[in-house]
Amino acid sequence: MPTTDRAQQRRNFEEFEDSHDEKVMENRARLMQRQAIIGSTLTNGRVDE
């Protein structure tokens, strides 16, 4: 297995962290959208898109 230097490991980790943060934000936005749809359905008895 090839050894990577510390700087390369750090860059790899930062790239992983950035892509992970992006996915978390996308999932949070999707969740908030679903919660808004559920909330309006409970309030109005229908789905407001």
PDB file of N, CA and C in Angstrom:
ATOM      1  N   MET A   1       0.847  -1.193   0.000  1.00  0.00           N
ATOM      2  CA  MET A   1       0.000   0.000   0.000  1.00  0.00           C
ATOM      3  C   MET A   1       0.888   1.250   0.000  1.00  0.00           C
ATOM      4  N   PRO A   2       0.674   2.153  -0.924  1.00  0.00           N
ATOM      5  CA  PRO A   2       1.558   3.322  -0.984  1.00  0.00           C
ATOM      6  C   PRO A   2       1.322   4.239   0.210  1.00  0.00           C
ATOM      7  N   THR A   3       2.403   4.826   0.697  1.00  0.00           N
ATOM      8  CA  THR A   3       2.264   5.751   1.824  1.00  0.00           C
ATOM      9  C   THR A   3       2.056   7.159   1.283  1.00  0.00           C
ATOM     10  N   THR A   4       1.163   7.893   1.917  1.00  0.00           N
ATOM     11  CA  THR A   4       0.931   9.284   1.520  1.00  0.00           C
ATOM     12  C   THR A   4       1.484  10.188   2.615  1.00  0.00           C
ATOM     13  N   ASP A   5       2.020  11.311   2.224  1.00  0.00           N
ATOM     14  CA  ASP A   5       2.562  12.229   3.230  1.00  0.00           C
ATOM     15  C   ASP A   5       1.429  12.939   3.974  1.00  0.00           C
ATOM     16  N   ARG A   6       1.786  13.585   5.063  1.00  0.00           N
ATOM     17  CA  ARG A   6       0.788  14.230   5.921  1.00  0.00           C
ATOM     18  C   ARG A   6       0.003  15.313   5.174  1.00  0.00           C
ATOM     19  N   ALA A   7       0.693  16.073   4.315  1.00  0.00           N
ATOM     20  CA  ALA A   7       0.014  17.147   3.582  1.00  0.00           C
ATOM     21  C   ALA A   7      -1.048  16.565   2.655  1.00  0.00           C
ATOM     22  N   GLN A   8      -0.727  15.456   2.003  1.00  0.00           N
ATOM     23  CA  GLN A   8      -1.687  14.812   1.104  1.00  0.00           C
ATOM     24  C   GLN A   8      -2.871  14.259   1.904  1.00  0.00           C
ATOM     25  N   GLN A   9      -2.592  13.665   3.041  1.00  0.00           N
ATOM     26  CA  GLN A   9      -3.673  13.153   3.891  1.00  0.00           C
ATOM     27  C   GLN A   9      -4.594  14.290   4.312  1.00  0.00           C
ATOM     28  N   ARG A  10      -4.007  15.432   4.653  1.00  0.00           N
ATOM     29  CA  ARG A  10      -4.796  16.594   5.073  1.00  0.00           C
ATOM     30  C   ARG A  10      -5.684  17.089   3.926  1.00  0.00           C
ATOM     31  N   ARG A  11      -5.111  17.157   2.713  1.00  0.00           N
ATOM     32  CA  ARG A  11      -5.892  17.595   1.542  1.00  0.00           C
ATOM     33  C   ARG A  11      -7.044  16.621   1.277  1.00  0.00           C
ATOM     34  N   ASN A  12      -6.743  15.329   1.360  1.00  0.00           N
ATOM     35  CA  ASN A  12      -7.791  14.323   1.149  1.00  0.00           C
ATOM     36  C   ASN A  12      -8.914  14.497   2.165  1.00  0.00           C
ATOM     37  N   PHE A  13      -8.534  14.723   3.423  1.00  0.00           N
ATOM     38  CA  PHE A  13      -9.534  14.886   4.470  1.00  0.00           C
ATOM     39  C   PHE A  13     -10.364  16.149   4.241  1.00  0.00           C
ATOM     40  N   GLU A  14      -9.708  17.241   3.849  1.00  0.00           N
ATOM     41  CA  GLU A  14     -10.432  18.498   3.619  1.00  0.00           C
ATOM     42  C   GLU A  14     -11.415  18.355   2.458  1.00  0.00           C
ATOM     43  N   GLU A  15     -11.004  17.638   1.405  1.00  0.00           N
ATOM     44  CA  GLU A  15     -11.918  17.399   0.284  1.00  0.00           C
ATOM     45  C   GLU A  15     -13.118  16.584   0.739  1.00  0.00           C
ATOM     46  N   PHE A  16     -12.858  15.539   1.537  1.00  0.00           N
ATOM     47  CA  PHE A  16     -13.944  14.717   2.059  1.00  0.00           C
ATOM     48  C   PHE A  16     -14.887  15.557   2.917  1.00  0.00           C
ATOM     49  N   GLU A  17     -14.293  16.381   3.782  1.00  0.00           N
ATOM     50  CA  GLU A  17     -15.078  17.215   4.692  1.00  0.00           C
ATOM     51  C   GLU A  17     -15.976  18.186   3.912  1.00  0.00           C
ATOM     52  N   ASP A  18     -15.419  18.815   2.876  1.00  0.00           N
ATOM     53  CA  ASP A  18     -16.188  19.755   2.061  1.00  0.00           C
ATOM     54  C   ASP A  18     -17.362  19.065   1.381  1.00  0.00           C
ATOM     55  N   SER A  19     -17.111  17.901   0.780  1.00  0.00           N
ATOM     56  CA  SER A  19     -18.202  17.209   0.080  1.00  0.00           C
ATOM     57  C   SER A  19     -19.242  16.711   1.085  1.00  0.00           C
ATOM     58  N   HIS A  20     -18.783  16.311   2.267  1.00  0.00           N
ATOM     59  CA  HIS A  20     -19.719  15.860   3.299  1.00  0.00           C
ATOM     60  C   HIS A  20     -20.606  17.017   3.759  1.00  0.00           C
ATOM     61  N   ASP A  21     -19.998  18.181   4.009  1.00  0.00           N
ATOM     62  CA  ASP A  21     -20.766  19.362   4.440  1.00  0.00           C
ATOM     63  C   ASP A  21     -21.809  19.730   3.396  1.00  0.00           C
ATOM     64  N   GLU A  22     -21.420  19.638   2.124  1.00  0.00           N
ATOM     65  CA  GLU A  22     -22.342  19.949   1.028  1.00  0.00           C
ATOM     66  C   GLU A  22     -23.547  19.006   1.059  1.00  0.00           C
ATOM     67  N   LYS A  23     -23.282  17.715   1.246  1.00  0.00           N
ATOM     68  CA  LYS A  23     -24.374  16.730   1.300  1.00  0.00           C
ATOM     69  C   LYS A  23     -25.275  16.986   2.499  1.00  0.00           C
ATOM     70  N   VAL A  24     -24.687  17.336   3.625  1.00  0.00           N
ATOM     71  CA  VAL A  24     -25.476  17.618   4.828  1.00  0.00           C
ATOM     72  C   VAL A  24     -26.422  18.799   4.574  1.00  0.00           C
ATOM     73  N   MET A  25     -25.891  19.860   3.947  1.00  0.00           N
ATOM     74  CA  MET A  25     -26.721  21.038   3.665  1.00  0.00           C
ATOM     75  C   MET A  25     -27.853  20.703   2.696  1.00  0.00           C
ATOM     76  N   GLU A  26     -27.547  19.894   1.664  1.00  0.00           N
ATOM     77  CA  GLU A  26     -28.588  19.490   0.709  1.00  0.00           C
ATOM     78  C   GLU A  26     -29.668  18.675   1.409  1.00  0.00           C
ATOM     79  N   ASN A  27     -29.252  17.745   2.255  1.00  0.00           N
ATOM     80  CA  ASN A  27     -30.226  16.914   2.974  1.00  0.00           C
ATOM     81  C   ASN A  27     -31.069  17.753   3.920  1.00  0.00           C
ATOM     82  N   ARG A  28     -30.443  18.724   4.582  1.00  0.00           N
ATOM     83  CA  ARG A  28     -31.179  19.598   5.500  1.00  0.00           C
ATOM     84  C   ARG A  28     -32.223  20.414   4.742  1.00  0.00           C
ATOM     85  N   ALA A  29     -31.855  20.912   3.563  1.00  0.00           N
ATOM     86  CA  ALA A  29     -32.801  21.696   2.754  1.00  0.00           C
ATOM     87  C   ALA A  29     -33.974  20.823   2.307  1.00  0.00           C
ATOM     88  N   ARG A  30     -33.675  19.585   1.899  1.00  0.00           N
ATOM     89  CA  ARG A  30     -34.747  18.661   1.492  1.00  0.00           C
ATOM     90  C   ARG A  30     -35.667  18.351   2.660  1.00  0.00           C
ATOM     91  N   LEU A  31     -35.087  18.142   3.820  1.00  0.00           N
ATOM     92  CA  LEU A  31     -35.885  17.842   5.013  1.00  0.00           C
ATOM     93  C   LEU A  31     -36.803  19.016   5.364  1.00  0.00           C
ATOM     94  N   MET A  32     -36.266  20.237   5.311  1.00  0.00           N
ATOM     95  CA  MET A  32     -37.076  21.413   5.626  1.00  0.00           C
ATOM     96  C   MET A  32     -38.219  21.564   4.627  1.00  0.00           C
ATOM     97  N   GLN A  33     -37.947  21.248   3.368  1.00  0.00           N
ATOM     98  CA  GLN A  33     -38.993  21.324   2.340  1.00  0.00           C
ATOM     99  C   GLN A  33     -40.100  20.307   2.644  1.00  0.00           C
ATOM    100  N   ARG A  34     -39.697  19.086   3.003  1.00  0.00           N
ATOM    101  CA  ARG A  34     -40.696  18.060   3.347  1.00  0.00           C
ATOM    102  C   ARG A  34     -41.502  18.473   4.566  1.00  0.00           C
ATOM    103  N   GLN A  35     -40.823  19.023   5.571  1.00  0.00           N
ATOM    104  CA  GLN A  35     -41.529  19.449   6.780  1.00  0.00           C
ATOM    105  C   GLN A  35     -42.544  20.552   6.463  1.00  0.00           C
ATOM    106  N   ALA A  36     -42.188  21.451   5.552  1.00  0.00           N
ATOM    107  CA  ALA A  36     -43.109  22.520   5.168  1.00  0.00           C
ATOM    108  C   ALA A  36     -44.333  21.942   4.468  1.00  0.00           C
ATOM    109  N   ILE A  37     -44.130  20.951   3.608  1.00  0.00           N
ATOM    110  CA  ILE A  37     -45.253  20.313   2.905  1.00  0.00           C
ATOM    111  C   ILE A  37     -46.153  19.589   3.907  1.00  0.00           C
ATOM    112  N   ILE A  38     -45.525  18.857   4.838  1.00  0.00           N
ATOM    113  CA  ILE A  38     -46.309  18.136   5.847  1.00  0.00           C
ATOM    114  C   ILE A  38     -47.083  19.131   6.713  1.00  0.00           C
ATOM    115  N   GLY A  39     -46.418  20.215   7.122  1.00  0.00           N
ATOM    116  CA  GLY A  39     -47.074  21.226   7.950  1.00  0.00           C
ATOM    117  C   GLY A  39     -48.261  21.859   7.254  1.00  0.00           C
ATOM    118  N   SER A  40     -48.110  22.181   5.973  1.00  0.00           N
ATOM    119  CA  SER A  40     -49.229  22.816   5.254  1.00  0.00           C
ATOM    120  C   SER A  40     -50.346  21.806   5.010  1.00  0.00           C
ATOM    121  N   THR A  41     -49.980  20.533   4.851  1.00  0.00           N
ATOM    122  CA  THR A  41     -51.005  19.500   4.673  1.00  0.00           C
ATOM    123  C   THR A  41     -51.825  19.346   5.950  1.00  0.00           C
ATOM    124  N   LEU A  42     -51.144  19.345   7.091  1.00  0.00           N
ATOM    125  CA  LEU A  42     -51.852  19.228   8.367  1.00  0.00           C
ATOM    126  C   LEU A  42     -52.731  20.445   8.622  1.00  0.00           C
ATOM    127  N   THR A  43     -52.250  21.622   8.236  1.00  0.00           N
ATOM    128  CA  THR A  43     -52.994  22.863   8.471  1.00  0.00           C
ATOM    129  C   THR A  43     -54.168  22.992   7.514  1.00  0.00           C
ATOM    130  N   ASN A  44     -53.920  22.727   6.247  1.00  0.00           N
ATOM    131  CA  ASN A  44     -54.923  23.001   5.209  1.00  0.00           C
ATOM    132  C   ASN A  44     -55.668  21.764   4.723  1.00  0.00           C
ATOM    133  N   GLY A  45     -55.181  20.584   5.089  1.00  0.00           N
ATOM    134  CA  GLY A  45     -55.815  19.361   4.622  1.00  0.00           C
ATOM    135  C   GLY A  45     -55.501  19.039   3.165  1.00  0.00           C
ATOM    136  N   ARG A  46     -54.542  19.762   2.600  1.00  0.00           N
ATOM    137  CA  ARG A  46     -54.128  19.480   1.221  1.00  0.00           C
ATOM    138  C   ARG A  46     -52.660  19.867   1.068  1.00  0.00           C
ATOM    139  N   VAL A  47     -52.071  19.420  -0.012  1.00  0.00           N
ATOM    140  CA  VAL A  47     -50.661  19.713  -0.268  1.00  0.00           C
ATOM    141  C   VAL A  47     -50.563  21.011  -1.051  1.00  0.00           C
ATOM    142  N   ASP A  48     -49.834  21.971  -0.511  1.00  0.00           N
ATOM    143  CA  ASP A  48     -49.533  23.215  -1.230  1.00  0.00           C
ATOM    144  C   ASP A  48     -48.098  23.131  -1.723  1.00  0.00           C
ATOM    145  N   GLU A  49     -47.919  23.063  -3.016  1.00  0.00           N
ATOM    146  CA  GLU A  49     -46.560  22.955  -3.583  1.00  0.00           C
ATOM    147  C   GLU A  49     -45.918  24.319  -3.615  1.00  0.00           C
TER     148      GLU A  49
END
